[in-house]
Amino acid sequence: KSGPREILLNGMAGILFPVGDHKKLATVMTKIAGNKYDAAKMIKTATLNLERFNPKNIVAQFLTLIKDNK
């Protein structure tokens, strides 16, 4: 529910694979080398979603949570 899957928008902004799965990592790296992923699309998606990590936005969301839970 959080961590890499959330940051990479469930794989739309980057490639996900199970932690410790060296075979899957090798497969992913082979596909990257063979241009089997639409890297440009992932980069665009990631770039368009960077604002969600802006500290001002995060603080505003945090303050809203505090106010809503009083």
PDB file of N, CA and C in Angstrom:
ATOM      1  N   LYS A   1       0.815  -1.202   0.000  1.00  0.00           N
ATOM      2  CA  LYS A   1       0.000   0.000   0.000  1.00  0.00           C
ATOM      3  C   LYS A   1       0.853   1.258   0.000  1.00  0.00           C
ATOM      4  N   SER A   2       2.115   1.127   0.313  1.00  0.00           N
ATOM      5  CA  SER A   2       2.991   2.295   0.302  1.00  0.00           C
ATOM      6  C   SER A   2       4.384   1.855  -0.119  1.00  0.00           C
ATOM      7  N   GLY A   3       5.277   2.801  -0.186  1.00  0.00           N
ATOM      8  CA  GLY A   3       6.634   2.488  -0.595  1.00  0.00           C
ATOM      9  C   GLY A   3       6.768   2.543  -2.106  1.00  0.00           C
ATOM     10  N   PRO A   4       7.628   1.712  -2.670  1.00  0.00           N
ATOM     11  CA  PRO A   4       7.897   1.763  -4.112  1.00  0.00           C
ATOM     12  C   PRO A   4       6.644   1.682  -4.980  1.00  0.00           C
ATOM     13  N   ARG A   5       5.697   0.831  -4.625  1.00  0.00           N
ATOM     14  CA  ARG A   5       4.484   0.693  -5.446  1.00  0.00           C
ATOM     15  C   ARG A   5       3.723   2.016  -5.494  1.00  0.00           C
ATOM     16  N   GLU A   6       3.648   2.698  -4.368  1.00  0.00           N
ATOM     17  CA  GLU A   6       2.964   3.992  -4.324  1.00  0.00           C
ATOM     18  C   GLU A   6       3.768   5.058  -5.069  1.00  0.00           C
ATOM     19  N   ILE A   7       5.050   5.100  -4.818  1.00  0.00           N
ATOM     20  CA  ILE A   7       5.915   6.099  -5.451  1.00  0.00           C
ATOM     21  C   ILE A   7       5.919   5.941  -6.964  1.00  0.00           C
ATOM     22  N   LEU A   8       5.970   4.703  -7.440  1.00  0.00           N
ATOM     23  CA  LEU A   8       6.034   4.435  -8.887  1.00  0.00           C
ATOM     24  C   LEU A   8       4.654   4.250  -9.502  1.00  0.00           C
ATOM     25  N   LEU A   9       3.641   4.703  -8.793  1.00  0.00           N
ATOM     26  CA  LEU A   9       2.269   4.694  -9.301  1.00  0.00           C
ATOM     27  C   LEU A   9       1.872   3.325  -9.840  1.00  0.00           C
ATOM     28  N   ASN A  10       2.114   2.325  -9.017  1.00  0.00           N
ATOM     29  CA  ASN A  10       1.753   0.946  -9.339  1.00  0.00           C
ATOM     30  C   ASN A  10       2.401   0.454 -10.641  1.00  0.00           C
ATOM     31  N   GLY A  11       3.608   0.952 -10.915  1.00  0.00           N
ATOM     32  CA  GLY A  11       4.359   0.511 -12.081  1.00  0.00           C
ATOM     33  C   GLY A  11       4.226   1.405 -13.300  1.00  0.00           C
ATOM     34  N   MET A  12       3.403   2.443 -13.229  1.00  0.00           N
ATOM     35  CA  MET A  12       3.244   3.328 -14.379  1.00  0.00           C
ATOM     36  C   MET A  12       4.395   4.333 -14.498  1.00  0.00           C
ATOM     37  N   ALA A  13       5.115   4.560 -13.404  1.00  0.00           N
ATOM     38  CA  ALA A  13       6.199   5.542 -13.415  1.00  0.00           C
ATOM     39  C   ALA A  13       7.551   4.887 -13.139  1.00  0.00           C
ATOM     40  N   GLY A  14       7.618   3.595 -13.254  1.00  0.00           N
ATOM     41  CA  GLY A  14       8.853   2.862 -13.018  1.00  0.00           C
ATOM     42  C   GLY A  14       8.567   1.376 -12.926  1.00  0.00           C
ATOM     43  N   ILE A  15       9.591   0.607 -12.978  1.00  0.00           N
ATOM     44  CA  ILE A  15       9.448  -0.845 -13.027  1.00  0.00           C
ATOM     45  C   ILE A  15       9.529  -1.433 -11.623  1.00  0.00           C
ATOM     46  N   LEU A  16       8.577  -2.280 -11.312  1.00  0.00           N
ATOM     47  CA  LEU A  16       8.526  -2.943 -10.013  1.00  0.00           C
ATOM     48  C   LEU A  16       8.856  -4.425 -10.175  1.00  0.00           C
ATOM     49  N   PHE A  17       9.521  -4.962  -9.183  1.00  0.00           N
ATOM     50  CA  PHE A  17       9.772  -6.399  -9.131  1.00  0.00           C
ATOM     51  C   PHE A  17       9.956  -6.775  -7.674  1.00  0.00           C
ATOM     52  N   PRO A  18       9.716  -8.026  -7.321  1.00  0.00           N
ATOM     53  CA  PRO A  18       9.797  -8.437  -5.915  1.00  0.00           C
ATOM     54  C   PRO A  18      11.205  -8.281  -5.340  1.00  0.00           C
ATOM     55  N   VAL A  19      11.266  -7.775  -4.114  1.00  0.00           N
ATOM     56  CA  VAL A  19      12.538  -7.624  -3.415  1.00  0.00           C
ATOM     57  C   VAL A  19      13.199  -8.995  -3.288  1.00  0.00           C
ATOM     58  N   GLY A  20      14.476  -9.055  -3.644  1.00  0.00           N
ATOM     59  CA  GLY A  20      15.245 -10.285  -3.504  1.00  0.00           C
ATOM     60  C   GLY A  20      15.092 -11.273  -4.647  1.00  0.00           C
ATOM     61  N   ASP A  21      14.247 -10.960  -5.614  1.00  0.00           N
ATOM     62  CA  ASP A  21      14.030 -11.871  -6.747  1.00  0.00           C
ATOM     63  C   ASP A  21      15.033 -11.543  -7.856  1.00  0.00           C
ATOM     64  N   HIS A  22      16.218 -12.132  -7.753  1.00  0.00           N
ATOM     65  CA  HIS A  22      17.288 -11.822  -8.703  1.00  0.00           C
ATOM     66  C   HIS A  22      16.950 -12.284 -10.119  1.00  0.00           C
ATOM     67  N   LYS A  23      16.149 -13.320 -10.250  1.00  0.00           N
ATOM     68  CA  LYS A  23      15.755 -13.776 -11.593  1.00  0.00           C
ATOM     69  C   LYS A  23      14.838 -12.756 -12.261  1.00  0.00           C
ATOM     70  N   LYS A  24      13.891 -12.232 -11.501  1.00  0.00           N
ATOM     71  CA  LYS A  24      12.993 -11.208 -12.046  1.00  0.00           C
ATOM     72  C   LYS A  24      13.776  -9.938 -12.369  1.00  0.00           C
ATOM     73  N   LEU A  25      14.721  -9.572 -11.506  1.00  0.00           N
ATOM     74  CA  LEU A  25      15.563  -8.409 -11.770  1.00  0.00           C
ATOM     75  C   LEU A  25      16.333  -8.598 -13.070  1.00  0.00           C
ATOM     76  N   ALA A  26      16.890  -9.785 -13.281  1.00  0.00           N
ATOM     77  CA  ALA A  26      17.622 -10.066 -14.520  1.00  0.00           C
ATOM     78  C   ALA A  26      16.698  -9.952 -15.730  1.00  0.00           C
ATOM     79  N   THR A  27      15.472 -10.449 -15.590  1.00  0.00           N
ATOM     80  CA  THR A  27      14.497 -10.346 -16.677  1.00  0.00           C
ATOM     81  C   THR A  27      14.182  -8.887 -16.984  1.00  0.00           C
ATOM     82  N   VAL A  28      13.960  -8.108 -15.932  1.00  0.00           N
ATOM     83  CA  VAL A  28      13.666  -6.682 -16.099  1.00  0.00           C
ATOM     84  C   VAL A  28      14.837  -5.976 -16.784  1.00  0.00           C
ATOM     85  N   MET A  29      16.040  -6.258 -16.340  1.00  0.00           N
ATOM     86  CA  MET A  29      17.222  -5.610 -16.930  1.00  0.00           C
ATOM     87  C   MET A  29      17.388  -5.996 -18.402  1.00  0.00           C
ATOM     88  N   THR A  30      17.103  -7.240 -18.733  1.00  0.00           N
ATOM     89  CA  THR A  30      17.177  -7.686 -20.127  1.00  0.00           C
ATOM     90  C   THR A  30      16.142  -6.948 -20.974  1.00  0.00           C
ATOM     91  N   LYS A  31      14.938  -6.804 -20.436  1.00  0.00           N
ATOM     92  CA  LYS A  31      13.895  -6.079 -21.157  1.00  0.00           C
ATOM     93  C   LYS A  31      14.245  -4.605 -21.324  1.00  0.00           C
ATOM     94  N   ILE A  32      14.861  -4.019 -20.303  1.00  0.00           N
ATOM     95  CA  ILE A  32      15.292  -2.622 -20.408  1.00  0.00           C
ATOM     96  C   ILE A  32      16.327  -2.485 -21.511  1.00  0.00           C
ATOM     97  N   ALA A  33      17.309  -3.376 -21.511  1.00  0.00           N
ATOM     98  CA  ALA A  33      18.362  -3.336 -22.526  1.00  0.00           C
ATOM     99  C   ALA A  33      17.788  -3.526 -23.929  1.00  0.00           C
ATOM    100  N   GLY A  34      16.732  -4.299 -24.042  1.00  0.00           N
ATOM    101  CA  GLY A  34      16.115  -4.550 -25.340  1.00  0.00           C
ATOM    102  C   GLY A  34      14.993  -3.583 -25.676  1.00  0.00           C
ATOM    103  N   ASN A  35      14.890  -2.507 -24.901  1.00  0.00           N
ATOM    104  CA  ASN A  35      13.861  -1.481 -25.115  1.00  0.00           C
ATOM    105  C   ASN A  35      12.451  -2.067 -25.147  1.00  0.00           C
ATOM    106  N   LYS A  36      12.183  -3.015 -24.266  1.00  0.00           N
ATOM    107  CA  LYS A  36      10.862  -3.651 -24.199  1.00  0.00           C
ATOM    108  C   LYS A  36       9.880  -2.855 -23.332  1.00  0.00           C
ATOM    109  N   TYR A  37      10.381  -1.845 -22.638  1.00  0.00           N
ATOM    110  CA  TYR A  37       9.533  -0.987 -21.821  1.00  0.00           C
ATOM    111  C   TYR A  37       9.421   0.367 -22.498  1.00  0.00           C
ATOM    112  N   ASP A  38       8.294   1.029 -22.298  1.00  0.00           N
ATOM    113  CA  ASP A  38       8.117   2.385 -22.830  1.00  0.00           C
ATOM    114  C   ASP A  38       8.668   3.364 -21.793  1.00  0.00           C
ATOM    115  N   ALA A  39       9.986   3.493 -21.797  1.00  0.00           N
ATOM    116  CA  ALA A  39      10.659   4.339 -20.804  1.00  0.00           C
ATOM    117  C   ALA A  39      10.207   5.791 -20.911  1.00  0.00           C
ATOM    118  N   ALA A  40      10.000   6.276 -22.120  1.00  0.00           N
ATOM    119  CA  ALA A  40       9.575   7.668 -22.295  1.00  0.00           C
ATOM    120  C   ALA A  40       8.233   7.909 -21.601  1.00  0.00           C
ATOM    121  N   LYS A  41       7.333   6.942 -21.715  1.00  0.00           N
ATOM    122  CA  LYS A  41       6.026   7.075 -21.066  1.00  0.00           C
ATOM    123  C   LYS A  41       6.171   7.056 -19.551  1.00  0.00           C
ATOM    124  N   MET A  42       7.025   6.175 -19.037  1.00  0.00           N
ATOM    125  CA  MET A  42       7.244   6.118 -17.586  1.00  0.00           C
ATOM    126  C   MET A  42       7.854   7.411 -17.079  1.00  0.00           C
ATOM    127  N   ILE A  43       8.810   7.942 -17.805  1.00  0.00           N
ATOM    128  CA  ILE A  43       9.457   9.206 -17.412  1.00  0.00           C
ATOM    129  C   ILE A  43       8.441  10.336 -17.418  1.00  0.00           C
ATOM    130  N   LYS A  44       7.606  10.386 -18.449  1.00  0.00           N
ATOM    131  CA  LYS A  44       6.584  11.435 -18.529  1.00  0.00           C
ATOM    132  C   LYS A  44       5.611  11.316 -17.359  1.00  0.00           C
ATOM    133  N   THR A  45       5.155  10.105 -17.079  1.00  0.00           N
ATOM    134  CA  THR A  45       4.232   9.886 -15.964  1.00  0.00           C
ATOM    135  C   THR A  45       4.872  10.308 -14.644  1.00  0.00           C
ATOM    136  N   ALA A  46       6.118   9.907 -14.434  1.00  0.00           N
ATOM    137  CA  ALA A  46       6.824  10.262 -13.197  1.00  0.00           C
ATOM    138  C   ALA A  46       6.968  11.774 -13.079  1.00  0.00           C
ATOM    139  N   THR A  47       7.362  12.419 -14.166  1.00  0.00           N
ATOM    140  CA  THR A  47       7.575  13.868 -14.162  1.00  0.00           C
ATOM    141  C   THR A  47       6.280  14.616 -13.867  1.00  0.00           C
ATOM    142  N   LEU A  48       5.186  14.169 -14.478  1.00  0.00           N
ATOM    143  CA  LEU A  48       3.900  14.837 -14.267  1.00  0.00           C
ATOM    144  C   LEU A  48       3.387  14.669 -12.836  1.00  0.00           C
ATOM    145  N   ASN A  49       3.919  13.707 -12.118  1.00  0.00           N
ATOM    146  CA  ASN A  49       3.451  13.426 -10.761  1.00  0.00           C
ATOM    147  C   ASN A  49       4.431  13.834  -9.669  1.00  0.00           C
ATOM    148  N   LEU A  50       5.472  14.548 -10.018  1.00  0.00           N
ATOM    149  CA  LEU A  50       6.470  14.963  -9.027  1.00  0.00           C
ATOM    150  C   LEU A  50       5.911  15.934  -7.988  1.00  0.00           C
ATOM    151  N   GLU A  51       4.948  16.715  -8.379  1.00  0.00           N
ATOM    152  CA  GLU A  51       4.420  17.748  -7.485  1.00  0.00           C
ATOM    153  C   GLU A  51       3.857  17.159  -6.196  1.00  0.00           C
ATOM    154  N   ARG A  52       3.454  15.912  -6.230  1.00  0.00           N
ATOM    155  CA  ARG A  52       2.904  15.305  -5.013  1.00  0.00           C
ATOM    156  C   ARG A  52       3.956  15.142  -3.925  1.00  0.00           C
ATOM    157  N   PHE A  53       5.233  15.282  -4.274  1.00  0.00           N
ATOM    158  CA  PHE A  53       6.314  15.189  -3.304  1.00  0.00           C
ATOM    159  C   PHE A  53       6.841  16.566  -2.871  1.00  0.00           C
ATOM    160  N   ASN A  54       6.213  17.613  -3.361  1.00  0.00           N
ATOM    161  CA  ASN A  54       6.600  18.972  -2.991  1.00  0.00           C
ATOM    162  C   ASN A  54       6.331  19.145  -1.491  1.00  0.00           C
ATOM    163  N   PRO A  55       7.350  19.557  -0.732  1.00  0.00           N
ATOM    164  CA  PRO A  55       7.169  19.704   0.725  1.00  0.00           C
ATOM    165  C   PRO A  55       5.989  20.597   1.108  1.00  0.00           C
ATOM    166  N   LYS A  56       5.719  21.638   0.342  1.00  0.00           N
ATOM    167  CA  LYS A  56       4.588  22.513   0.660  1.00  0.00           C
ATOM    168  C   LYS A  56       3.271  21.746   0.576  1.00  0.00           C
ATOM    169  N   ASN A  57       3.149  20.894  -0.432  1.00  0.00           N
ATOM    170  CA  ASN A  57       1.922  20.094  -0.569  1.00  0.00           C
ATOM    171  C   ASN A  57       1.798  19.080   0.554  1.00  0.00           C
ATOM    172  N   ILE A  58       2.886  18.469   0.913  1.00  0.00           N
ATOM    173  CA  ILE A  58       2.866  17.457   1.974  1.00  0.00           C
ATOM    174  C   ILE A  58       2.496  18.094   3.308  1.00  0.00           C
ATOM    175  N   VAL A  59       3.076  19.247   3.603  1.00  0.00           N
ATOM    176  CA  VAL A  59       2.748  19.943   4.855  1.00  0.00           C
ATOM    177  C   VAL A  59       1.274  20.343   4.869  1.00  0.00           C
ATOM    178  N   ALA A  60       0.776  20.846   3.736  1.00  0.00           N
ATOM    179  CA  ALA A  60      -0.635  21.237   3.663  1.00  0.00           C
ATOM    180  C   ALA A  60      -1.547  20.034   3.907  1.00  0.00           C
ATOM    181  N   GLN A  61      -1.207  18.891   3.328  1.00  0.00           N
ATOM    182  CA  GLN A  61      -2.006  17.677   3.540  1.00  0.00           C
ATOM    183  C   GLN A  61      -1.944  17.242   5.010  1.00  0.00           C
ATOM    184  N   PHE A  62      -0.770  17.325   5.583  1.00  0.00           N
ATOM    185  CA  PHE A  62      -0.585  16.947   6.979  1.00  0.00           C
ATOM    186  C   PHE A  62      -1.421  17.848   7.896  1.00  0.00           C
ATOM    187  N   LEU A  63      -1.374  19.145   7.645  1.00  0.00           N
ATOM    188  CA  LEU A  63      -2.151  20.085   8.461  1.00  0.00           C
ATOM    189  C   LEU A  63      -3.648  19.835   8.318  1.00  0.00           C
ATOM    190  N   THR A  64      -4.082  19.500   7.114  1.00  0.00           N
ATOM    191  CA  THR A  64      -5.502  19.179   6.891  1.00  0.00           C
ATOM    192  C   THR A  64      -5.906  17.957   7.698  1.00  0.00           C
ATOM    193  N   LEU A  65      -5.047  16.949   7.707  1.00  0.00           N
ATOM    194  CA  LEU A  65      -5.323  15.742   8.497  1.00  0.00           C
ATOM    195  C   LEU A  65      -5.458  16.062   9.981  1.00  0.00           C
ATOM    196  N   ILE A  66      -4.562  16.919  10.474  1.00  0.00           N
ATOM    197  CA  ILE A  66      -4.606  17.297  11.885  1.00  0.00           C
ATOM    198  C   ILE A  66      -5.907  18.031  12.192  1.00  0.00           C
ATOM    199  N   LYS A  67      -6.285  18.986  11.341  1.00  0.00           N
ATOM    200  CA  LYS A  67      -7.498  19.763  11.561  1.00  0.00           C
ATOM    201  C   LYS A  67      -8.739  18.877  11.502  1.00  0.00           C
ATOM    202  N   ASP A  68      -8.755  17.917  10.568  1.00  0.00           N
ATOM    203  CA  ASP A  68      -9.908  17.034  10.405  1.00  0.00           C
ATOM    204  C   ASP A  68     -10.073  16.041  11.544  1.00  0.00           C
ATOM    205  N   ASN A  69      -8.992  15.796  12.276  1.00  0.00           N
ATOM    206  CA  ASN A  69      -9.049  14.793  13.353  1.00  0.00           C
ATOM    207  C   ASN A  69      -9.130  15.401  14.743  1.00  0.00           C
ATOM    208  N   LYS A  70      -9.507  16.661  14.839  1.00  0.00           N
ATOM    209  CA  LYS A  70      -9.639  17.304  16.150  1.00  0.00           C
ATOM    210  C   LYS A  70     -10.952  16.944  16.772  1.00  0.00           C
TER     211      LYS A  70
END
